[in-house]
């Protein structure tokens, strides 16, 4: 059974390891520690028993929140872990008017997750994410009201 819990700076190394394993360009330990020290940042971790299997990093900014990064280990993808993490994000930010995120336009799985939870595309940033061979893809900017996520 997957459980999602808030975590603090003491988990920076674990968050960094998950981030590097889940994403193409993961944040190393010092970068993760810097992120965790930033004002308004919060972190959630999904556990299968005692084993961490996913994470969500977010930031509060005025009356909005931003989902900075979300990752789930390969064997746990398409098992509801990402959905549980996004819903837990909504519980962390009940007083904001919107949650924003960016997703690569070639990441169809993440796009399906986010649209299935009520996010809608509100913008596009051309050539935002680097891919191999000097290729870049756009970032889709999406938003949702927290009430639609929980």
N, C-alpha and C. Protein backbone atom coordinates (compact mmCIF):
# COMPACT_ATOMS: atom_id res chain seq x y z
N UNK A 1 0.84 -1.19 0.00
CA UNK A 1 0.00 0.00 0.00
C UNK A 1 0.88 1.25 0.00
N UNK A 2 0.61 2.15 -0.91
CA UNK A 2 1.37 3.39 -1.04
C UNK A 2 0.84 4.43 -0.07
N UNK A 3 1.74 5.07 0.65
CA UNK A 3 1.39 6.17 1.54
C UNK A 3 2.20 7.38 1.13
N UNK A 4 1.59 8.57 1.19
CA UNK A 4 2.26 9.81 0.86
C UNK A 4 2.36 10.65 2.12
N UNK A 5 3.59 11.15 2.37
CA UNK A 5 3.84 11.96 3.56
C UNK A 5 4.68 13.18 3.21
N UNK A 6 4.44 14.30 3.90
CA UNK A 6 5.33 15.44 3.74
C UNK A 6 6.70 15.08 4.31
N UNK A 7 7.74 15.60 3.70
CA UNK A 7 9.11 15.41 4.19
C UNK A 7 9.80 16.76 4.25
N UNK A 8 10.85 16.83 5.06
CA UNK A 8 11.57 18.09 5.22
C UNK A 8 12.98 18.00 4.64
N UNK A 9 13.80 18.99 4.95
CA UNK A 9 15.17 19.06 4.42
C UNK A 9 16.01 17.84 4.75
N UNK A 10 15.69 17.15 5.82
CA UNK A 10 16.45 15.97 6.20
C UNK A 10 16.39 14.90 5.10
N UNK A 11 15.41 14.99 4.22
CA UNK A 11 15.24 14.01 3.13
C UNK A 11 15.86 14.49 1.82
N UNK A 12 16.63 15.56 1.84
CA UNK A 12 17.20 16.11 0.60
C UNK A 12 17.99 15.07 -0.19
N UNK A 13 18.80 14.27 0.46
CA UNK A 13 19.61 13.28 -0.25
C UNK A 13 18.73 12.21 -0.89
N UNK A 14 17.70 11.77 -0.18
CA UNK A 14 16.78 10.77 -0.72
C UNK A 14 16.00 11.37 -1.90
N UNK A 15 15.53 12.61 -1.74
CA UNK A 15 14.82 13.28 -2.82
C UNK A 15 15.72 13.42 -4.05
N UNK A 16 16.98 13.77 -3.83
CA UNK A 16 17.92 13.90 -4.94
C UNK A 16 18.10 12.57 -5.66
N UNK A 17 18.28 11.48 -4.91
CA UNK A 17 18.45 10.16 -5.53
C UNK A 17 17.22 9.78 -6.35
N UNK A 18 16.03 10.03 -5.82
CA UNK A 18 14.79 9.74 -6.55
C UNK A 18 14.70 10.62 -7.80
N UNK A 19 14.99 11.89 -7.64
CA UNK A 19 14.92 12.83 -8.75
C UNK A 19 15.84 12.37 -9.89
N UNK A 20 17.05 11.98 -9.54
CA UNK A 20 18.02 11.53 -10.56
C UNK A 20 17.60 10.22 -11.22
N UNK A 21 16.96 9.34 -10.46
CA UNK A 21 16.53 8.07 -11.03
C UNK A 21 15.27 8.21 -11.88
N UNK A 22 14.41 9.14 -11.51
CA UNK A 22 13.13 9.29 -12.21
C UNK A 22 13.19 10.20 -13.44
N UNK A 23 14.09 11.16 -13.45
CA UNK A 23 14.10 12.18 -14.49
C UNK A 23 15.42 12.19 -15.25
N UNK A 24 15.35 12.63 -16.50
CA UNK A 24 16.54 12.66 -17.34
C UNK A 24 17.63 13.56 -16.79
N UNK A 25 17.25 14.71 -16.28
CA UNK A 25 18.23 15.65 -15.74
C UNK A 25 17.92 15.89 -14.27
N UNK A 26 18.28 14.92 -13.44
CA UNK A 26 17.99 15.01 -12.02
C UNK A 26 18.84 16.04 -11.31
N UNK A 27 18.34 16.48 -10.18
CA UNK A 27 19.05 17.45 -9.37
C UNK A 27 19.94 16.71 -8.40
N UNK A 28 21.22 17.05 -8.37
CA UNK A 28 22.18 16.46 -7.45
C UNK A 28 21.89 16.89 -6.02
N UNK A 29 22.62 16.30 -5.06
CA UNK A 29 22.36 16.59 -3.65
C UNK A 29 22.46 18.08 -3.28
N UNK A 30 23.44 18.80 -3.79
CA UNK A 30 23.56 20.21 -3.40
C UNK A 30 22.44 21.05 -4.03
N UNK A 31 22.08 20.74 -5.28
CA UNK A 31 20.96 21.46 -5.91
C UNK A 31 19.66 21.18 -5.17
N UNK A 32 19.44 19.93 -4.78
CA UNK A 32 18.21 19.60 -4.05
C UNK A 32 18.20 20.30 -2.70
N UNK A 33 19.33 20.34 -2.01
CA UNK A 33 19.39 21.03 -0.72
C UNK A 33 19.07 22.51 -0.90
N UNK A 34 19.57 23.12 -1.97
CA UNK A 34 19.26 24.53 -2.25
C UNK A 34 17.77 24.72 -2.48
N UNK A 35 17.16 23.84 -3.27
CA UNK A 35 15.72 23.93 -3.53
C UNK A 35 14.95 23.81 -2.21
N UNK A 36 15.33 22.85 -1.40
CA UNK A 36 14.60 22.61 -0.14
C UNK A 36 14.74 23.78 0.85
N UNK A 37 15.78 24.59 0.70
CA UNK A 37 15.95 25.77 1.56
C UNK A 37 15.20 26.99 1.05
N UNK A 38 14.68 26.92 -0.15
CA UNK A 38 14.00 28.07 -0.75
C UNK A 38 12.68 28.37 -0.04
N UNK A 39 12.33 29.64 0.06
CA UNK A 39 11.06 30.01 0.71
C UNK A 39 9.86 29.39 -0.01
N UNK A 40 8.92 28.90 0.78
CA UNK A 40 7.67 28.39 0.24
C UNK A 40 7.72 26.99 -0.34
N UNK A 41 8.90 26.35 -0.34
CA UNK A 41 9.02 25.01 -0.93
C UNK A 41 8.50 23.96 0.04
N UNK A 42 7.82 22.99 -0.51
CA UNK A 42 7.36 21.84 0.26
C UNK A 42 7.66 20.58 -0.54
N UNK A 43 7.78 19.46 0.17
CA UNK A 43 8.08 18.19 -0.50
C UNK A 43 7.20 17.09 0.07
N UNK A 44 6.81 16.19 -0.81
CA UNK A 44 6.03 15.02 -0.45
C UNK A 44 6.75 13.80 -0.99
N UNK A 45 6.66 12.70 -0.27
CA UNK A 45 7.28 11.48 -0.74
C UNK A 45 6.28 10.34 -0.62
N UNK A 46 6.25 9.50 -1.65
CA UNK A 46 5.40 8.31 -1.66
C UNK A 46 6.25 7.14 -1.21
N UNK A 47 5.71 6.33 -0.33
CA UNK A 47 6.41 5.17 0.22
C UNK A 47 5.62 3.90 -0.03
N UNK A 48 6.33 2.85 -0.37
CA UNK A 48 5.79 1.49 -0.41
C UNK A 48 6.42 0.81 0.79
N UNK A 49 5.67 0.75 1.87
CA UNK A 49 6.27 0.33 3.14
C UNK A 49 7.24 1.41 3.57
N UNK A 50 8.51 1.04 3.73
CA UNK A 50 9.53 2.02 4.11
C UNK A 50 10.32 2.51 2.90
N UNK A 51 10.08 1.95 1.74
CA UNK A 51 10.86 2.29 0.55
C UNK A 51 10.26 3.50 -0.17
N UNK A 52 11.04 4.55 -0.40
CA UNK A 52 10.54 5.69 -1.17
C UNK A 52 10.43 5.32 -2.65
N UNK A 53 9.26 5.64 -3.25
CA UNK A 53 9.02 5.26 -4.64
C UNK A 53 8.61 6.43 -5.53
N UNK A 54 8.45 7.61 -4.95
CA UNK A 54 8.06 8.77 -5.72
C UNK A 54 8.12 10.02 -4.88
N UNK A 55 8.03 11.17 -5.54
CA UNK A 55 8.12 12.44 -4.84
C UNK A 55 7.37 13.52 -5.61
N UNK A 56 7.03 14.57 -4.90
CA UNK A 56 6.51 15.80 -5.49
C UNK A 56 7.15 16.95 -4.76
N UNK A 57 7.64 17.92 -5.52
CA UNK A 57 8.21 19.14 -4.96
C UNK A 57 7.38 20.31 -5.45
N UNK A 58 7.01 21.19 -4.54
CA UNK A 58 6.21 22.33 -4.92
C UNK A 58 6.65 23.58 -4.21
N UNK A 59 6.07 24.69 -4.64
CA UNK A 59 6.39 25.97 -4.03
C UNK A 59 5.13 26.83 -3.97
N UNK A 60 4.92 27.45 -2.83
CA UNK A 60 3.84 28.41 -2.67
C UNK A 60 4.37 29.78 -3.05
N UNK A 61 3.58 30.53 -3.80
CA UNK A 61 3.96 31.88 -4.22
C UNK A 61 2.70 32.73 -4.24
N UNK A 62 2.47 33.45 -3.18
CA UNK A 62 1.27 34.28 -3.09
C UNK A 62 0.01 33.42 -3.07
N UNK A 63 -0.91 33.71 -4.00
CA UNK A 63 -2.16 32.96 -4.03
C UNK A 63 -2.11 31.81 -5.03
N UNK A 64 -0.91 31.42 -5.45
CA UNK A 64 -0.74 30.31 -6.39
C UNK A 64 0.31 29.34 -5.86
N UNK A 65 0.30 28.17 -6.42
CA UNK A 65 1.31 27.16 -6.09
C UNK A 65 1.86 26.61 -7.40
N UNK A 66 3.09 26.17 -7.34
CA UNK A 66 3.73 25.59 -8.52
C UNK A 66 4.22 24.19 -8.17
N UNK A 67 3.89 23.25 -9.02
CA UNK A 67 4.44 21.91 -8.89
C UNK A 67 5.77 21.94 -9.63
N UNK A 68 6.86 21.96 -8.88
CA UNK A 68 8.20 22.10 -9.46
C UNK A 68 8.67 20.82 -10.14
N UNK A 69 8.40 19.69 -9.50
CA UNK A 69 8.88 18.43 -10.04
C UNK A 69 8.10 17.28 -9.42
N UNK A 70 7.88 16.26 -10.22
CA UNK A 70 7.17 15.07 -9.78
C UNK A 70 7.85 13.88 -10.44
N UNK A 71 8.09 12.84 -9.68
CA UNK A 71 8.70 11.65 -10.25
C UNK A 71 8.26 10.39 -9.54
N UNK A 72 8.16 9.32 -10.30
CA UNK A 72 7.78 8.01 -9.76
C UNK A 72 8.74 6.99 -10.37
N UNK A 73 9.26 6.11 -9.53
CA UNK A 73 10.15 5.07 -10.03
C UNK A 73 9.43 4.19 -11.05
N UNK A 74 10.18 3.74 -12.05
CA UNK A 74 9.63 2.96 -13.16
C UNK A 74 8.63 1.88 -12.80
N UNK A 75 8.97 0.96 -11.89
CA UNK A 75 8.04 -0.13 -11.58
C UNK A 75 6.72 0.33 -10.94
N UNK A 76 6.68 1.57 -10.46
CA UNK A 76 5.48 2.08 -9.79
C UNK A 76 4.66 3.01 -10.68
N UNK A 77 5.13 3.25 -11.88
CA UNK A 77 4.39 4.12 -12.78
C UNK A 77 3.12 3.42 -13.25
N UNK A 78 2.11 4.23 -13.52
CA UNK A 78 0.80 3.73 -13.96
C UNK A 78 0.13 2.86 -12.89
N UNK A 79 0.50 3.12 -11.64
CA UNK A 79 -0.08 2.39 -10.51
C UNK A 79 -0.84 3.33 -9.56
N UNK A 80 -1.00 4.60 -9.95
CA UNK A 80 -1.72 5.56 -9.12
C UNK A 80 -0.84 6.37 -8.18
N UNK A 81 0.47 6.15 -8.22
CA UNK A 81 1.37 6.87 -7.31
C UNK A 81 1.43 8.35 -7.68
N UNK A 82 1.59 8.66 -8.96
CA UNK A 82 1.62 10.05 -9.40
C UNK A 82 0.34 10.77 -9.05
N UNK A 83 -0.78 10.09 -9.27
CA UNK A 83 -2.10 10.66 -8.94
C UNK A 83 -2.18 10.95 -7.44
N UNK A 84 -1.72 10.03 -6.62
CA UNK A 84 -1.75 10.22 -5.17
C UNK A 84 -0.87 11.40 -4.75
N UNK A 85 0.27 11.54 -5.40
CA UNK A 85 1.16 12.67 -5.08
C UNK A 85 0.52 14.00 -5.46
N UNK A 86 -0.09 14.09 -6.63
CA UNK A 86 -0.71 15.35 -7.05
C UNK A 86 -1.88 15.68 -6.13
N UNK A 87 -2.65 14.70 -5.76
CA UNK A 87 -3.76 14.95 -4.82
C UNK A 87 -3.24 15.41 -3.46
N UNK A 88 -2.12 14.86 -3.03
CA UNK A 88 -1.52 15.30 -1.76
C UNK A 88 -1.01 16.73 -1.88
N UNK A 89 -0.52 17.11 -3.05
CA UNK A 89 -0.13 18.50 -3.28
C UNK A 89 -1.33 19.41 -3.05
N UNK A 90 -2.47 19.04 -3.59
CA UNK A 90 -3.68 19.85 -3.43
C UNK A 90 -4.03 20.02 -1.96
N UNK A 91 -3.82 18.98 -1.16
CA UNK A 91 -4.11 19.07 0.27
C UNK A 91 -3.14 20.01 0.98
N UNK A 92 -1.94 20.18 0.43
CA UNK A 92 -0.94 21.07 1.03
C UNK A 92 -1.21 22.54 0.73
N UNK A 93 -1.99 22.81 -0.30
CA UNK A 93 -2.18 24.20 -0.75
C UNK A 93 -3.66 24.56 -0.89
N UNK A 94 -4.48 24.29 0.12
CA UNK A 94 -5.92 24.48 -0.05
C UNK A 94 -6.36 25.93 -0.23
N UNK A 95 -5.53 26.88 0.16
CA UNK A 95 -5.95 28.28 0.11
C UNK A 95 -5.50 29.02 -1.16
N UNK A 96 -4.83 28.34 -2.06
CA UNK A 96 -4.40 29.00 -3.29
C UNK A 96 -5.51 28.93 -4.33
N UNK A 97 -5.43 29.81 -5.31
CA UNK A 97 -6.45 29.83 -6.35
C UNK A 97 -6.09 28.93 -7.53
N UNK A 98 -4.79 28.63 -7.69
CA UNK A 98 -4.38 27.80 -8.81
C UNK A 98 -3.07 27.08 -8.51
N UNK A 99 -2.91 25.93 -9.12
CA UNK A 99 -1.66 25.18 -9.10
C UNK A 99 -1.16 25.15 -10.54
N UNK A 100 0.09 25.53 -10.73
CA UNK A 100 0.70 25.56 -12.06
C UNK A 100 1.79 24.51 -12.16
N UNK A 101 2.06 24.07 -13.38
CA UNK A 101 3.16 23.16 -13.64
C UNK A 101 3.59 23.29 -15.08
N UNK A 102 4.75 22.74 -15.37
CA UNK A 102 5.24 22.64 -16.74
C UNK A 102 5.52 21.18 -17.03
N UNK A 103 5.24 20.77 -18.26
CA UNK A 103 5.49 19.39 -18.68
C UNK A 103 5.99 19.42 -20.11
N UNK A 104 6.96 18.57 -20.40
CA UNK A 104 7.50 18.51 -21.76
C UNK A 104 6.41 18.03 -22.72
N UNK A 105 6.36 18.64 -23.90
CA UNK A 105 5.32 18.27 -24.85
C UNK A 105 5.47 16.85 -25.36
N UNK A 106 6.64 16.24 -25.19
CA UNK A 106 6.82 14.85 -25.61
C UNK A 106 6.60 13.85 -24.47
N UNK A 107 6.18 14.34 -23.31
CA UNK A 107 5.91 13.46 -22.16
C UNK A 107 4.41 13.19 -22.09
N UNK A 108 3.95 12.33 -22.97
CA UNK A 108 2.51 12.06 -23.09
C UNK A 108 1.92 11.42 -21.82
N UNK A 109 2.68 10.57 -21.16
CA UNK A 109 2.18 9.93 -19.94
C UNK A 109 1.88 10.96 -18.86
N UNK A 110 2.79 11.89 -18.64
CA UNK A 110 2.56 12.93 -17.64
C UNK A 110 1.40 13.83 -18.05
N UNK A 111 1.31 14.14 -19.33
CA UNK A 111 0.19 14.96 -19.79
C UNK A 111 -1.14 14.28 -19.52
N UNK A 112 -1.22 12.98 -19.76
CA UNK A 112 -2.46 12.25 -19.47
C UNK A 112 -2.79 12.30 -17.98
N UNK A 113 -1.78 12.12 -17.14
CA UNK A 113 -1.99 12.21 -15.70
C UNK A 113 -2.57 13.57 -15.33
N UNK A 114 -1.91 14.62 -15.79
CA UNK A 114 -2.32 15.97 -15.39
C UNK A 114 -3.70 16.34 -15.95
N UNK A 115 -3.97 16.05 -17.20
CA UNK A 115 -5.29 16.39 -17.74
C UNK A 115 -6.38 15.55 -17.06
N UNK A 116 -6.06 14.31 -16.72
CA UNK A 116 -7.01 13.46 -16.01
C UNK A 116 -7.34 13.97 -14.62
N UNK A 117 -6.45 14.77 -14.06
CA UNK A 117 -6.69 15.36 -12.73
C UNK A 117 -7.31 16.75 -12.80
N UNK A 118 -7.52 17.25 -14.01
CA UNK A 118 -8.18 18.54 -14.13
C UNK A 118 -7.29 19.69 -14.57
N UNK A 119 -6.03 19.44 -14.87
CA UNK A 119 -5.16 20.50 -15.37
C UNK A 119 -5.51 20.79 -16.83
N UNK A 120 -5.38 22.05 -17.21
CA UNK A 120 -5.61 22.48 -18.59
C UNK A 120 -4.40 23.29 -19.06
N UNK A 121 -4.10 23.17 -20.32
CA UNK A 121 -2.98 23.91 -20.89
C UNK A 121 -3.31 25.40 -20.92
N UNK A 122 -2.37 26.22 -20.42
CA UNK A 122 -2.58 27.67 -20.41
C UNK A 122 -1.46 28.41 -21.13
N UNK A 123 -0.44 27.69 -21.57
CA UNK A 123 0.66 28.34 -22.27
C UNK A 123 1.64 27.32 -22.80
N UNK A 124 2.62 27.84 -23.53
CA UNK A 124 3.63 26.98 -24.14
C UNK A 124 4.93 27.75 -24.21
N UNK A 125 6.02 27.10 -23.83
CA UNK A 125 7.35 27.69 -23.91
C UNK A 125 8.16 26.90 -24.93
N UNK A 126 8.41 27.50 -26.06
CA UNK A 126 9.13 26.82 -27.14
C UNK A 126 10.57 26.50 -26.74
N UNK A 127 11.06 25.38 -27.23
CA UNK A 127 12.47 24.99 -27.06
C UNK A 127 12.94 25.06 -25.61
N UNK A 128 12.16 24.55 -24.69
CA UNK A 128 12.43 24.68 -23.27
C UNK A 128 13.27 23.53 -22.72
N UNK A 129 12.94 22.31 -23.11
CA UNK A 129 13.64 21.12 -22.61
C UNK A 129 14.63 20.60 -23.66
N UNK A 130 15.88 20.41 -23.25
CA UNK A 130 16.90 19.87 -24.15
C UNK A 130 16.73 18.37 -24.29
N UNK A 131 16.90 17.91 -25.51
CA UNK A 131 16.90 16.48 -25.81
C UNK A 131 18.21 16.17 -26.52
N UNK A 132 18.55 14.95 -26.67
CA UNK A 132 19.80 14.56 -27.32
C UNK A 132 19.94 15.11 -28.72
N UNK A 133 21.18 15.25 -29.17
CA UNK A 133 21.45 15.67 -30.53
C UNK A 133 21.12 17.12 -30.82
N UNK A 134 21.14 17.96 -29.79
CA UNK A 134 20.86 19.38 -30.01
C UNK A 134 19.41 19.70 -30.25
N UNK A 135 18.53 18.75 -29.98
CA UNK A 135 17.10 18.93 -30.19
C UNK A 135 16.46 19.46 -28.91
N UNK A 136 15.44 20.28 -29.05
CA UNK A 136 14.69 20.83 -27.93
C UNK A 136 13.20 20.59 -28.15
N UNK A 137 12.46 20.49 -27.05
CA UNK A 137 11.00 20.40 -27.13
C UNK A 137 10.39 21.48 -26.24
N UNK A 138 9.17 21.82 -26.54
CA UNK A 138 8.47 22.85 -25.80
C UNK A 138 8.01 22.34 -24.43
N UNK A 139 7.80 23.28 -23.54
CA UNK A 139 7.16 23.00 -22.26
C UNK A 139 5.73 23.49 -22.35
N UNK A 140 4.80 22.66 -21.95
CA UNK A 140 3.41 23.07 -21.86
C UNK A 140 3.18 23.55 -20.43
N UNK A 141 2.62 24.73 -20.27
CA UNK A 141 2.28 25.25 -18.96
C UNK A 141 0.81 24.90 -18.72
N UNK A 142 0.55 24.33 -17.54
CA UNK A 142 -0.81 23.89 -17.23
C UNK A 142 -1.21 24.45 -15.86
N UNK A 143 -2.51 24.58 -15.64
CA UNK A 143 -2.99 25.01 -14.33
C UNK A 143 -4.29 24.29 -13.99
N UNK A 144 -4.56 24.29 -12.70
CA UNK A 144 -5.80 23.69 -12.19
C UNK A 144 -6.13 24.34 -10.85
N UNK A 145 -7.38 24.35 -10.51
CA UNK A 145 -7.81 24.80 -9.18
C UNK A 145 -7.58 23.64 -8.21
N UNK A 146 -7.03 23.91 -7.04
CA UNK A 146 -6.75 22.83 -6.09
C UNK A 146 -7.98 21.98 -5.77
N UNK A 147 -9.16 22.57 -5.73
CA UNK A 147 -10.36 21.82 -5.41
C UNK A 147 -10.65 20.72 -6.43
N UNK A 148 -10.21 20.90 -7.67
CA UNK A 148 -10.45 19.88 -8.69
C UNK A 148 -9.47 18.72 -8.58
N UNK A 149 -8.39 18.90 -7.83
CA UNK A 149 -7.36 17.87 -7.73
C UNK A 149 -7.61 16.87 -6.61
N UNK A 150 -8.29 17.28 -5.59
CA UNK A 150 -8.46 16.42 -4.42
C UNK A 150 -9.60 15.53 -4.57
